[in-house]
Amino acid sequence: MLEIFREPFMQTALLGGLLTACLCAYLGVFVILKRIVFMGIALSQVAALGIALGLFIGINPAISAFVLTLFGVILFWIPFAERNISREALLGFTYAFCATVSIILIAKNPLAEARGLNLISGNLLYTTWLDIKTLGIASVFVAGLHLIFFKEFIFVSFDRETAFTTGLKANIIDFLLYLTIGIVISLSMKICGVV
C-alpha cells in the first residue's frame, strides 16, 4: 500500500493536496467570518477566465490567472458605500460573466479545449514540483501576513465598523485579507480546479 507513495507523481500530489487543503481551510474561516462565501466562488471563476485567456492568447495560464485574480481582488475590495451597485450583484455578475467567457474562449481554441478543461477542473496527479514550490512560496507569504496581522484580520472579520472607529485601517486590512485569498485561489486552481 505504501509503495505507491514512492512514485514522484504521488508525492507531489500528496504534498500539493496537503498544502492546498491547509491554506484553503485556514482562509475559509475568514471567508465564513466575513460572510463573503460567494466572493471565493467568483474569484475562482475569475482565475478560470485567466487560465482560458492565457491559453487563448498563448501565454502562461498561471500568470494570466494570477493577474486577473488580482484585478478581481481589487474590484471586490473597493468600498461599496461609494457604488450604486450591491456587493452581491457585482459578485453574481462577475461569476456569470467569467464562467461564460472562459467557456467561450476554451471552445474557440482547439488546443485549449483539452488542456484548458484539465486546468480549470484541476487534476491533483498532474501537480509538478514547480507547482509545489510556487504554492510553498505563497504559503510562506500568506502565513507571514497572517502572523503579522492576525489580530487585525480577526477584528475586521468580526466587526468591521468597530475596527474602523477604533482607528484601525480596515480598508487596508480588508485588502490584505482579500489579497491572500486571491493568491491562494489562483495558485491552487491547477491542483483543485474551480469547484
N, C-alpha and C. Protein backbone atom coordinates (compact mmCIF):
# COMPACT_ATOMS: atom_id res chain seq x y z
N MET A 1 0.82 -1.20 0.00
CA MET A 1 0.00 0.00 0.00
C MET A 1 0.86 1.26 0.00
N LEU A 2 1.90 1.28 0.82
CA LEU A 2 2.73 2.48 0.90
C LEU A 2 3.71 2.61 -0.26
N GLU A 3 3.84 1.55 -1.07
CA GLU A 3 4.76 1.61 -2.21
C GLU A 3 4.33 2.67 -3.22
N ILE A 4 3.05 2.95 -3.27
CA ILE A 4 2.55 3.93 -4.24
C ILE A 4 3.11 5.32 -3.97
N PHE A 5 3.44 5.60 -2.71
CA PHE A 5 3.96 6.92 -2.36
C PHE A 5 5.44 7.07 -2.69
N ARG A 6 6.06 6.03 -3.23
CA ARG A 6 7.44 6.15 -3.72
C ARG A 6 7.47 6.77 -5.11
N GLU A 7 6.35 6.75 -5.77
CA GLU A 7 6.26 7.35 -7.11
C GLU A 7 6.27 8.87 -6.99
N PRO A 8 7.08 9.56 -7.80
CA PRO A 8 7.19 11.02 -7.69
C PRO A 8 5.87 11.75 -7.91
N PHE A 9 5.03 11.26 -8.83
CA PHE A 9 3.77 11.96 -9.08
C PHE A 9 2.83 11.86 -7.88
N MET A 10 2.92 10.77 -7.12
CA MET A 10 2.09 10.64 -5.92
C MET A 10 2.61 11.53 -4.79
N GLN A 11 3.93 11.69 -4.71
CA GLN A 11 4.50 12.58 -3.70
C GLN A 11 4.08 14.02 -3.94
N THR A 12 4.18 14.46 -5.20
CA THR A 12 3.77 15.84 -5.49
C THR A 12 2.27 16.01 -5.31
N ALA A 13 1.50 14.99 -5.67
CA ALA A 13 0.04 15.08 -5.50
C ALA A 13 -0.32 15.19 -4.02
N LEU A 14 0.31 14.38 -3.19
CA LEU A 14 0.03 14.40 -1.76
C LEU A 14 0.44 15.73 -1.14
N LEU A 15 1.63 16.19 -1.48
CA LEU A 15 2.12 17.46 -0.93
C LEU A 15 1.28 18.64 -1.42
N GLY A 16 0.94 18.64 -2.71
CA GLY A 16 0.10 19.71 -3.26
C GLY A 16 -1.28 19.72 -2.63
N GLY A 17 -1.84 18.53 -2.45
CA GLY A 17 -3.15 18.44 -1.82
C GLY A 17 -3.13 18.91 -0.37
N LEU A 18 -2.07 18.53 0.36
CA LEU A 18 -1.96 18.96 1.76
C LEU A 18 -1.79 20.47 1.88
N LEU A 19 -0.90 21.05 1.05
CA LEU A 19 -0.70 22.50 1.09
C LEU A 19 -1.98 23.25 0.75
N THR A 20 -2.64 22.82 -0.30
CA THR A 20 -3.87 23.48 -0.72
C THR A 20 -4.95 23.34 0.34
N ALA A 21 -5.09 22.15 0.89
CA ALA A 21 -6.12 21.92 1.91
C ALA A 21 -5.87 22.77 3.15
N CYS A 22 -4.62 22.85 3.59
CA CYS A 22 -4.31 23.65 4.78
C CYS A 22 -4.57 25.13 4.54
N LEU A 23 -4.12 25.64 3.40
CA LEU A 23 -4.33 27.06 3.09
C LEU A 23 -5.81 27.39 2.95
N CYS A 24 -6.52 26.56 2.19
CA CYS A 24 -7.94 26.85 1.96
C CYS A 24 -8.77 26.69 3.23
N ALA A 25 -8.43 25.72 4.06
CA ALA A 25 -9.16 25.55 5.32
C ALA A 25 -8.95 26.74 6.24
N TYR A 26 -7.70 27.19 6.35
CA TYR A 26 -7.41 28.34 7.21
C TYR A 26 -8.10 29.60 6.69
N LEU A 27 -7.95 29.89 5.41
CA LEU A 27 -8.57 31.10 4.86
C LEU A 27 -10.08 30.98 4.79
N GLY A 28 -10.60 29.77 4.72
CA GLY A 28 -12.04 29.57 4.72
C GLY A 28 -12.70 30.06 5.99
N VAL A 29 -11.98 30.02 7.10
CA VAL A 29 -12.51 30.56 8.35
C VAL A 29 -12.80 32.05 8.20
N PHE A 30 -11.90 32.78 7.58
CA PHE A 30 -12.10 34.22 7.38
C PHE A 30 -13.20 34.49 6.36
N VAL A 31 -13.30 33.64 5.35
CA VAL A 31 -14.37 33.78 4.36
C VAL A 31 -15.73 33.63 5.04
N ILE A 32 -15.86 32.67 5.93
CA ILE A 32 -17.12 32.47 6.65
C ILE A 32 -17.36 33.61 7.63
N LEU A 33 -16.33 34.03 8.37
CA LEU A 33 -16.49 35.12 9.33
C LEU A 33 -16.94 36.42 8.66
N LYS A 34 -16.39 36.71 7.51
CA LYS A 34 -16.74 37.95 6.80
C LYS A 34 -17.99 37.80 5.95
N ARG A 35 -18.52 36.59 5.87
CA ARG A 35 -19.71 36.32 5.06
C ARG A 35 -19.49 36.70 3.60
N ILE A 36 -18.35 36.26 3.05
CA ILE A 36 -18.02 36.56 1.65
C ILE A 36 -17.83 35.25 0.88
N VAL A 37 -18.71 34.29 1.16
CA VAL A 37 -18.58 32.97 0.55
C VAL A 37 -18.64 33.07 -0.96
N PHE A 38 -19.56 33.88 -1.48
CA PHE A 38 -19.70 33.98 -2.93
C PHE A 38 -18.50 34.66 -3.56
N MET A 39 -17.74 35.46 -2.79
CA MET A 39 -16.55 36.08 -3.34
C MET A 39 -15.51 35.01 -3.71
N GLY A 40 -15.39 33.98 -2.91
CA GLY A 40 -14.46 32.91 -3.22
C GLY A 40 -14.82 32.19 -4.51
N ILE A 41 -16.10 31.98 -4.72
CA ILE A 41 -16.54 31.32 -5.95
C ILE A 41 -16.32 32.25 -7.14
N ALA A 42 -16.62 33.53 -6.96
CA ALA A 42 -16.42 34.49 -8.06
C ALA A 42 -14.94 34.61 -8.40
N LEU A 43 -14.07 34.64 -7.39
CA LEU A 43 -12.63 34.70 -7.67
C LEU A 43 -12.13 33.43 -8.36
N SER A 44 -12.73 32.30 -8.05
CA SER A 44 -12.37 31.06 -8.75
C SER A 44 -12.71 31.17 -10.23
N GLN A 45 -13.86 31.75 -10.53
CA GLN A 45 -14.23 31.91 -11.94
C GLN A 45 -13.36 32.95 -12.63
N VAL A 46 -12.93 33.98 -11.90
CA VAL A 46 -12.00 34.96 -12.47
C VAL A 46 -10.68 34.27 -12.81
N ALA A 47 -10.21 33.40 -11.91
CA ALA A 47 -8.98 32.65 -12.19
C ALA A 47 -9.17 31.70 -13.37
N ALA A 48 -10.34 31.09 -13.47
CA ALA A 48 -10.62 30.21 -14.61
C ALA A 48 -10.61 31.01 -15.91
N LEU A 49 -11.16 32.22 -15.88
CA LEU A 49 -11.10 33.09 -17.06
C LEU A 49 -9.65 33.43 -17.39
N GLY A 50 -8.83 33.65 -16.38
CA GLY A 50 -7.41 33.91 -16.61
C GLY A 50 -6.72 32.74 -17.28
N ILE A 51 -7.04 31.53 -16.86
CA ILE A 51 -6.47 30.34 -17.49
C ILE A 51 -6.92 30.24 -18.95
N ALA A 52 -8.22 30.42 -19.18
CA ALA A 52 -8.74 30.33 -20.54
C ALA A 52 -8.15 31.42 -21.43
N LEU A 53 -8.02 32.63 -20.89
CA LEU A 53 -7.44 33.73 -21.66
C LEU A 53 -5.97 33.47 -21.97
N GLY A 54 -5.24 32.96 -20.99
CA GLY A 54 -3.84 32.63 -21.22
C GLY A 54 -3.65 31.59 -22.31
N LEU A 55 -4.49 30.56 -22.29
CA LEU A 55 -4.42 29.54 -23.34
C LEU A 55 -4.85 30.10 -24.69
N PHE A 56 -5.81 31.00 -24.69
CA PHE A 56 -6.33 31.56 -25.94
C PHE A 56 -5.30 32.46 -26.63
N ILE A 57 -4.60 33.29 -25.84
CA ILE A 57 -3.64 34.22 -26.45
C ILE A 57 -2.21 33.68 -26.43
N GLY A 58 -2.01 32.51 -25.83
CA GLY A 58 -0.71 31.85 -25.91
C GLY A 58 0.31 32.27 -24.86
N ILE A 59 -0.15 32.68 -23.69
CA ILE A 59 0.78 32.99 -22.60
C ILE A 59 0.59 31.97 -21.49
N ASN A 60 1.46 32.02 -20.49
CA ASN A 60 1.38 31.09 -19.38
C ASN A 60 0.05 31.26 -18.64
N PRO A 61 -0.78 30.22 -18.58
CA PRO A 61 -2.09 30.35 -17.93
C PRO A 61 -2.01 30.69 -16.44
N ALA A 62 -0.95 30.25 -15.77
CA ALA A 62 -0.82 30.56 -14.35
C ALA A 62 -0.62 32.05 -14.13
N ILE A 63 0.16 32.67 -15.00
CA ILE A 63 0.40 34.12 -14.87
C ILE A 63 -0.86 34.90 -15.17
N SER A 64 -1.56 34.53 -16.25
CA SER A 64 -2.78 35.27 -16.58
C SER A 64 -3.86 35.06 -15.51
N ALA A 65 -3.94 33.87 -14.93
CA ALA A 65 -4.90 33.62 -13.85
C ALA A 65 -4.56 34.46 -12.63
N PHE A 66 -3.27 34.55 -12.30
CA PHE A 66 -2.84 35.34 -11.15
C PHE A 66 -3.16 36.82 -11.35
N VAL A 67 -2.85 37.34 -12.54
CA VAL A 67 -3.08 38.77 -12.82
C VAL A 67 -4.57 39.09 -12.79
N LEU A 68 -5.39 38.27 -13.44
CA LEU A 68 -6.83 38.54 -13.44
C LEU A 68 -7.43 38.39 -12.04
N THR A 69 -6.92 37.46 -11.26
CA THR A 69 -7.41 37.31 -9.89
C THR A 69 -7.07 38.53 -9.05
N LEU A 70 -5.88 39.10 -9.25
CA LEU A 70 -5.52 40.33 -8.54
C LEU A 70 -6.45 41.47 -8.93
N PHE A 71 -6.79 41.56 -10.22
CA PHE A 71 -7.76 42.57 -10.64
C PHE A 71 -9.12 42.33 -9.98
N GLY A 72 -9.52 41.07 -9.88
CA GLY A 72 -10.77 40.74 -9.20
C GLY A 72 -10.75 41.12 -7.74
N VAL A 73 -9.62 40.87 -7.08
CA VAL A 73 -9.48 41.25 -5.67
C VAL A 73 -9.64 42.76 -5.51
N ILE A 74 -9.00 43.52 -6.38
CA ILE A 74 -9.11 44.98 -6.31
C ILE A 74 -10.55 45.42 -6.58
N LEU A 75 -11.21 44.80 -7.55
CA LEU A 75 -12.59 45.14 -7.87
C LEU A 75 -13.51 44.88 -6.68
N PHE A 76 -13.34 43.74 -6.02
CA PHE A 76 -14.20 43.39 -4.89
C PHE A 76 -13.83 44.16 -3.62
N TRP A 77 -12.61 44.65 -3.55
CA TRP A 77 -12.15 45.35 -2.36
C TRP A 77 -12.64 46.79 -2.30
N ILE A 78 -12.83 47.44 -3.44
CA ILE A 78 -13.24 48.85 -3.46
C ILE A 78 -14.47 49.01 -2.58
N PRO A 79 -14.45 49.97 -1.65
CA PRO A 79 -15.58 50.13 -0.71
C PRO A 79 -16.92 50.27 -1.44
N PHE A 80 -17.92 49.56 -0.94
CA PHE A 80 -19.21 49.51 -1.61
C PHE A 80 -20.12 50.68 -1.27
N ALA A 81 -19.79 51.47 -0.28
CA ALA A 81 -20.62 52.62 0.05
C ALA A 81 -20.57 53.66 -1.07
N GLU A 82 -19.50 53.65 -1.85
CA GLU A 82 -19.34 54.64 -2.92
C GLU A 82 -19.92 54.15 -4.24
N ARG A 83 -20.55 53.00 -4.27
CA ARG A 83 -21.08 52.44 -5.51
C ARG A 83 -22.60 52.48 -5.51
N ASN A 84 -23.15 52.39 -6.70
CA ASN A 84 -24.60 52.30 -6.85
C ASN A 84 -25.05 50.86 -7.02
N ILE A 85 -24.14 49.93 -6.86
CA ILE A 85 -24.43 48.51 -7.06
C ILE A 85 -24.07 47.75 -5.78
N SER A 86 -24.86 46.75 -5.46
CA SER A 86 -24.58 45.99 -4.24
C SER A 86 -23.44 45.00 -4.49
N ARG A 87 -22.84 44.56 -3.40
CA ARG A 87 -21.74 43.59 -3.49
C ARG A 87 -22.22 42.28 -4.11
N GLU A 88 -23.40 41.83 -3.70
CA GLU A 88 -23.92 40.56 -4.21
C GLU A 88 -24.18 40.63 -5.71
N ALA A 89 -24.70 41.76 -6.18
CA ALA A 89 -24.95 41.91 -7.62
C ALA A 89 -23.64 41.88 -8.40
N LEU A 90 -22.63 42.56 -7.89
CA LEU A 90 -21.32 42.57 -8.55
C LEU A 90 -20.70 41.17 -8.57
N LEU A 91 -20.79 40.47 -7.46
CA LEU A 91 -20.23 39.12 -7.40
C LEU A 91 -20.98 38.17 -8.34
N GLY A 92 -22.29 38.27 -8.36
CA GLY A 92 -23.08 37.42 -9.26
C GLY A 92 -22.79 37.70 -10.72
N PHE A 93 -22.70 38.97 -11.08
CA PHE A 93 -22.39 39.33 -12.46
C PHE A 93 -20.99 38.84 -12.83
N THR A 94 -20.03 39.05 -11.95
CA THR A 94 -18.65 38.62 -12.22
C THR A 94 -18.58 37.11 -12.40
N TYR A 95 -19.26 36.39 -11.54
CA TYR A 95 -19.27 34.93 -11.64
C TYR A 95 -19.83 34.47 -12.98
N ALA A 96 -21.00 34.98 -13.33
CA ALA A 96 -21.66 34.56 -14.58
C ALA A 96 -20.85 34.99 -15.80
N PHE A 97 -20.34 36.22 -15.78
CA PHE A 97 -19.58 36.73 -16.92
C PHE A 97 -18.30 35.92 -17.13
N CYS A 98 -17.55 35.70 -16.06
CA CYS A 98 -16.28 34.98 -16.18
C CYS A 98 -16.49 33.52 -16.58
N ALA A 99 -17.52 32.89 -16.03
CA ALA A 99 -17.80 31.50 -16.40
C ALA A 99 -18.16 31.40 -17.88
N THR A 100 -18.98 32.32 -18.35
CA THR A 100 -19.40 32.31 -19.75
C THR A 100 -18.24 32.57 -20.70
N VAL A 101 -17.47 33.61 -20.42
CA VAL A 101 -16.37 33.97 -21.31
C VAL A 101 -15.29 32.89 -21.31
N SER A 102 -15.02 32.27 -20.16
CA SER A 102 -14.00 31.22 -20.13
C SER A 102 -14.43 30.01 -20.96
N ILE A 103 -15.70 29.66 -20.91
CA ILE A 103 -16.19 28.54 -21.73
C ILE A 103 -16.09 28.88 -23.21
N ILE A 104 -16.44 30.11 -23.57
CA ILE A 104 -16.34 30.54 -24.98
C ILE A 104 -14.89 30.51 -25.45
N LEU A 105 -13.97 31.03 -24.64
CA LEU A 105 -12.56 31.05 -25.04
C LEU A 105 -11.99 29.64 -25.20
N ILE A 106 -12.38 28.74 -24.32
CA ILE A 106 -11.90 27.37 -24.43
C ILE A 106 -12.51 26.69 -25.66
N ALA A 107 -13.77 26.95 -25.93
CA ALA A 107 -14.42 26.33 -27.09
C ALA A 107 -13.86 26.84 -28.41
N LYS A 108 -13.39 28.08 -28.44
CA LYS A 108 -12.87 28.67 -29.68
C LYS A 108 -11.41 28.32 -29.95
N ASN A 109 -10.74 27.71 -29.00
CA ASN A 109 -9.34 27.36 -29.16
C ASN A 109 -9.19 25.84 -29.09
N PRO A 110 -8.92 25.18 -30.22
CA PRO A 110 -8.85 23.71 -30.20
C PRO A 110 -7.76 23.17 -29.28
N LEU A 111 -6.64 23.86 -29.18
CA LEU A 111 -5.57 23.41 -28.29
C LEU A 111 -6.00 23.54 -26.84
N ALA A 112 -6.72 24.60 -26.55
CA ALA A 112 -7.12 24.86 -25.16
C ALA A 112 -8.22 23.94 -24.69
N GLU A 113 -8.97 23.36 -25.63
CA GLU A 113 -10.10 22.55 -25.21
C GLU A 113 -9.66 21.38 -24.34
N ALA A 114 -8.65 20.65 -24.78
CA ALA A 114 -8.18 19.50 -24.00
C ALA A 114 -7.41 19.95 -22.76
N ARG A 115 -6.50 20.89 -22.95
CA ARG A 115 -5.65 21.32 -21.84
C ARG A 115 -6.40 22.23 -20.87
N GLY A 116 -7.25 23.10 -21.41
CA GLY A 116 -7.96 24.06 -20.58
C GLY A 116 -8.95 23.42 -19.64
N LEU A 117 -9.64 22.40 -20.11
CA LEU A 117 -10.59 21.73 -19.23
C LEU A 117 -9.87 21.03 -18.08
N ASN A 118 -8.67 20.49 -18.33
CA ASN A 118 -7.89 19.90 -17.23
C ASN A 118 -7.46 20.96 -16.24
N LEU A 119 -7.03 22.13 -16.73
CA LEU A 119 -6.57 23.18 -15.83
C LEU A 119 -7.72 23.76 -15.02
N ILE A 120 -8.86 23.94 -15.66
CA ILE A 120 -10.00 24.54 -14.96
C ILE A 120 -10.61 23.57 -13.96
N SER A 121 -10.70 22.29 -14.35
CA SER A 121 -11.29 21.33 -13.42
C SER A 121 -10.27 20.83 -12.41
N GLY A 122 -9.00 21.04 -12.67
CA GLY A 122 -7.95 20.64 -11.75
C GLY A 122 -7.64 19.15 -11.85
N ASN A 123 -6.40 18.81 -11.59
CA ASN A 123 -6.00 17.40 -11.58
C ASN A 123 -4.83 17.26 -10.62
N LEU A 124 -5.10 16.67 -9.51
CA LEU A 124 -4.11 16.53 -8.45
C LEU A 124 -2.89 15.74 -8.90
N LEU A 125 -3.09 14.76 -9.77
CA LEU A 125 -1.99 13.91 -10.20
C LEU A 125 -1.05 14.59 -11.19
N TYR A 126 -1.46 15.72 -11.77
CA TYR A 126 -0.59 16.47 -12.68
C TYR A 126 0.24 17.52 -11.96
N THR A 127 0.22 17.53 -10.65
CA THR A 127 0.97 18.50 -9.87
C THR A 127 2.47 18.28 -10.07
N THR A 128 3.19 19.36 -10.35
CA THR A 128 4.64 19.28 -10.56
C THR A 128 5.37 19.88 -9.36
N TRP A 129 6.69 19.67 -9.33
CA TRP A 129 7.48 20.26 -8.25
C TRP A 129 7.48 21.78 -8.35
N LEU A 130 7.37 22.33 -9.55
CA LEU A 130 7.27 23.78 -9.71
C LEU A 130 5.98 24.30 -9.06
N ASP A 131 4.89 23.57 -9.23
CA ASP A 131 3.63 23.94 -8.57
C ASP A 131 3.79 23.92 -7.05
N ILE A 132 4.49 22.90 -6.55
CA ILE A 132 4.71 22.79 -5.11
C ILE A 132 5.56 23.95 -4.60
N LYS A 133 6.62 24.28 -5.34
CA LYS A 133 7.48 25.40 -4.93
C LYS A 133 6.71 26.71 -4.94
N THR A 134 5.93 26.94 -5.99
CA THR A 134 5.14 28.17 -6.07
C THR A 134 4.13 28.24 -4.94
N LEU A 135 3.44 27.14 -4.70
CA LEU A 135 2.47 27.11 -3.61
C LEU A 135 3.16 27.23 -2.25
N GLY A 136 4.36 26.69 -2.12
CA GLY A 136 5.12 26.83 -0.88
C GLY A 136 5.52 28.27 -0.61
N ILE A 137 5.96 28.97 -1.65
CA ILE A 137 6.31 30.39 -1.50
C ILE A 137 5.07 31.19 -1.13
N ALA A 138 3.95 30.89 -1.79
CA ALA A 138 2.70 31.57 -1.45
C ALA A 138 2.28 31.26 -0.02
N SER A 139 2.50 30.02 0.42
CA SER A 139 2.15 29.64 1.79
C SER A 139 2.96 30.44 2.80
N VAL A 140 4.25 30.61 2.53
CA VAL A 140 5.10 31.39 3.43
C VAL A 140 4.64 32.85 3.45
N PHE A 141 4.31 33.41 2.28
CA PHE A 141 3.84 34.79 2.20
C PHE A 141 2.52 34.96 2.97
N VAL A 142 1.57 34.06 2.73
CA VAL A 142 0.27 34.13 3.40
C VAL A 142 0.43 33.94 4.90
N ALA A 143 1.23 32.96 5.30
CA ALA A 143 1.45 32.72 6.73
C ALA A 143 2.12 33.92 7.39
N GLY A 144 3.09 34.53 6.70
CA GLY A 144 3.75 35.72 7.25
C GLY A 144 2.78 36.87 7.45
N LEU A 145 1.95 37.14 6.44
CA LEU A 145 0.97 38.21 6.57
C LEU A 145 -0.02 37.92 7.70
N HIS A 146 -0.43 36.68 7.81
CA HIS A 146 -1.41 36.34 8.84
C HIS A 146 -0.79 36.28 10.23
N LEU A 147 0.49 36.00 10.33
CA LEU A 147 1.14 36.09 11.64
C LEU A 147 1.27 37.54 12.08
N ILE A 148 1.59 38.41 11.14
CA ILE A 148 1.77 39.83 11.47
C ILE A 148 0.43 40.50 11.78
N PHE A 149 -0.59 40.22 10.98
CA PHE A 149 -1.86 40.93 11.10
C PHE A 149 -3.00 40.04 11.61
N PHE A 150 -2.70 39.00 12.36
CA PHE A 150 -3.74 38.07 12.78
C PHE A 150 -4.85 38.76 13.57
N LYS A 151 -4.47 39.54 14.58
CA LYS A 151 -5.49 40.21 15.41
C LYS A 151 -6.33 41.17 14.58
N GLU A 152 -5.68 41.87 13.66
CA GLU A 152 -6.41 42.81 12.81
C GLU A 152 -7.38 42.09 11.88
N PHE A 153 -6.92 40.97 11.31
CA PHE A 153 -7.81 40.19 10.43
C PHE A 153 -9.03 39.69 11.19
N ILE A 154 -8.81 39.20 12.40
CA ILE A 154 -9.93 38.72 13.22
C ILE A 154 -10.88 39.87 13.55
N PHE A 155 -10.32 41.00 13.97
CA PHE A 155 -11.14 42.15 14.36
C PHE A 155 -11.98 42.64 13.19
N VAL A 156 -11.35 42.81 12.04
CA VAL A 156 -12.08 43.30 10.86
C VAL A 156 -13.09 42.26 10.38
N SER A 157 -12.78 40.99 10.53
CA SER A 157 -13.71 39.95 10.09
C SER A 157 -14.94 39.87 10.98
N PHE A 158 -14.77 40.07 12.28
CA PHE A 158 -15.91 40.02 13.18
C PHE A 158 -16.74 41.29 13.13
N ASP A 159 -16.10 42.45 13.20
CA ASP A 159 -16.85 43.71 13.27
C ASP A 159 -16.04 44.82 12.60
N ARG A 160 -16.27 44.99 11.32
CA ARG A 160 -15.51 45.95 10.52
C ARG A 160 -15.74 47.39 10.98
N GLU A 161 -16.98 47.74 11.30
CA GLU A 161 -17.29 49.12 11.69
C GLU A 161 -16.60 49.50 13.00
N THR A 162 -16.63 48.60 13.97
CA THR A 162 -15.95 48.89 15.24
C THR A 162 -14.45 48.98 15.04
N ALA A 163 -13.90 48.12 14.21
CA ALA A 163 -12.46 48.18 13.92
C ALA A 163 -12.11 49.51 13.28
N PHE A 164 -12.97 49.99 12.39
CA PHE A 164 -12.72 51.27 11.71
C PHE A 164 -12.81 52.43 12.70
N THR A 165 -13.77 52.40 13.62
CA THR A 165 -13.92 53.50 14.58
C THR A 165 -12.80 53.53 15.62
N THR A 166 -12.14 52.40 15.84
CA THR A 166 -11.03 52.39 16.79
C THR A 166 -9.72 52.88 16.17
N GLY A 167 -9.77 53.25 14.89
CA GLY A 167 -8.59 53.79 14.24
C GLY A 167 -7.84 52.79 13.38
N LEU A 168 -8.31 51.56 13.34
CA LEU A 168 -7.68 50.55 12.51
C LEU A 168 -7.99 50.84 11.04
N LYS A 169 -7.00 50.73 10.20
CA LYS A 169 -7.21 50.96 8.77
C LYS A 169 -7.87 49.72 8.17
N ALA A 170 -9.19 49.66 8.35
CA ALA A 170 -9.96 48.47 7.97
C ALA A 170 -9.90 48.21 6.47
N ASN A 171 -9.84 49.27 5.66
CA ASN A 171 -9.78 49.07 4.21
C ASN A 171 -8.50 48.36 3.80
N ILE A 172 -7.38 48.75 4.40
CA ILE A 172 -6.09 48.11 4.08
C ILE A 172 -6.08 46.66 4.56
N ILE A 173 -6.60 46.43 5.76
CA ILE A 173 -6.65 45.07 6.30
C ILE A 173 -7.56 44.19 5.43
N ASP A 174 -8.70 44.74 5.00
CA ASP A 174 -9.57 44.00 4.08
C ASP A 174 -8.84 43.65 2.79
N PHE A 175 -8.11 44.62 2.24
CA PHE A 175 -7.38 44.37 1.00
C PHE A 175 -6.35 43.27 1.19
N LEU A 176 -5.61 43.30 2.29
CA LEU A 176 -4.61 42.26 2.54
C LEU A 176 -5.26 40.88 2.68
N LEU A 177 -6.41 40.85 3.35
CA LEU A 177 -7.12 39.58 3.50
C LEU A 177 -7.62 39.08 2.15
N TYR A 178 -8.22 39.96 1.37
CA TYR A 178 -8.70 39.58 0.04
C TYR A 178 -7.52 39.17 -0.85
N LEU A 179 -6.40 39.84 -0.70
CA LEU A 179 -5.21 39.51 -1.49
C LEU A 179 -4.73 38.10 -1.19
N THR A 180 -4.67 37.74 0.08
CA THR A 180 -4.23 36.39 0.42
C THR A 180 -5.21 35.34 -0.10
N ILE A 181 -6.49 35.63 -0.02
CA ILE A 181 -7.50 34.70 -0.55
C ILE A 181 -7.33 34.56 -2.06
N GLY A 182 -7.13 35.67 -2.75
CA GLY A 182 -6.96 35.64 -4.20
C GLY A 182 -5.71 34.90 -4.63
N ILE A 183 -4.62 35.09 -3.91
CA ILE A 183 -3.37 34.39 -4.23
C ILE A 183 -3.55 32.89 -4.10
N VAL A 184 -4.14 32.47 -3.01
CA VAL A 184 -4.33 31.03 -2.79
C VAL A 184 -5.27 30.43 -3.83
N ILE A 185 -6.34 31.14 -4.16
CA ILE A 185 -7.28 30.63 -5.16
C ILE A 185 -6.60 30.50 -6.52
N SER A 186 -5.88 31.53 -6.93
CA SER A 186 -5.28 31.49 -8.27
C SER A 186 -4.18 30.43 -8.38
N LEU A 187 -3.43 30.22 -7.31
CA LEU A 187 -2.35 29.24 -7.38
C LEU A 187 -2.81 27.80 -7.16
N SER A 188 -3.95 27.62 -6.53
CA SER A 188 -4.43 26.26 -6.30
C SER A 188 -5.38 25.78 -7.39
N MET A 189 -5.62 26.60 -8.40
CA MET A 189 -6.53 26.22 -9.49
C MET A 189 -6.06 24.96 -10.21
N LYS A 190 -4.78 24.86 -10.50
CA LYS A 190 -4.28 23.71 -11.25
C LYS A 190 -4.43 22.42 -10.44
N ILE A 191 -4.34 22.54 -9.13
CA ILE A 191 -4.42 21.36 -8.28
C ILE A 191 -5.87 20.96 -8.01
N CYS A 192 -6.69 21.96 -7.65
CA CYS A 192 -8.07 21.66 -7.22
C CYS A 192 -9.13 21.97 -8.27
N GLY A 193 -8.88 22.95 -9.11
CA GLY A 193 -9.89 23.36 -10.06
C GLY A 193 -10.83 24.39 -9.48
N VAL A 194 -11.87 24.71 -10.24
CA VAL A 194 -12.81 25.74 -9.83
C VAL A 194 -13.74 25.23 -8.74
N VAL A 195 -14.26 24.03 -8.93
CA VAL A 195 -15.25 23.52 -7.97
C VAL A 195 -14.70 22.33 -7.22
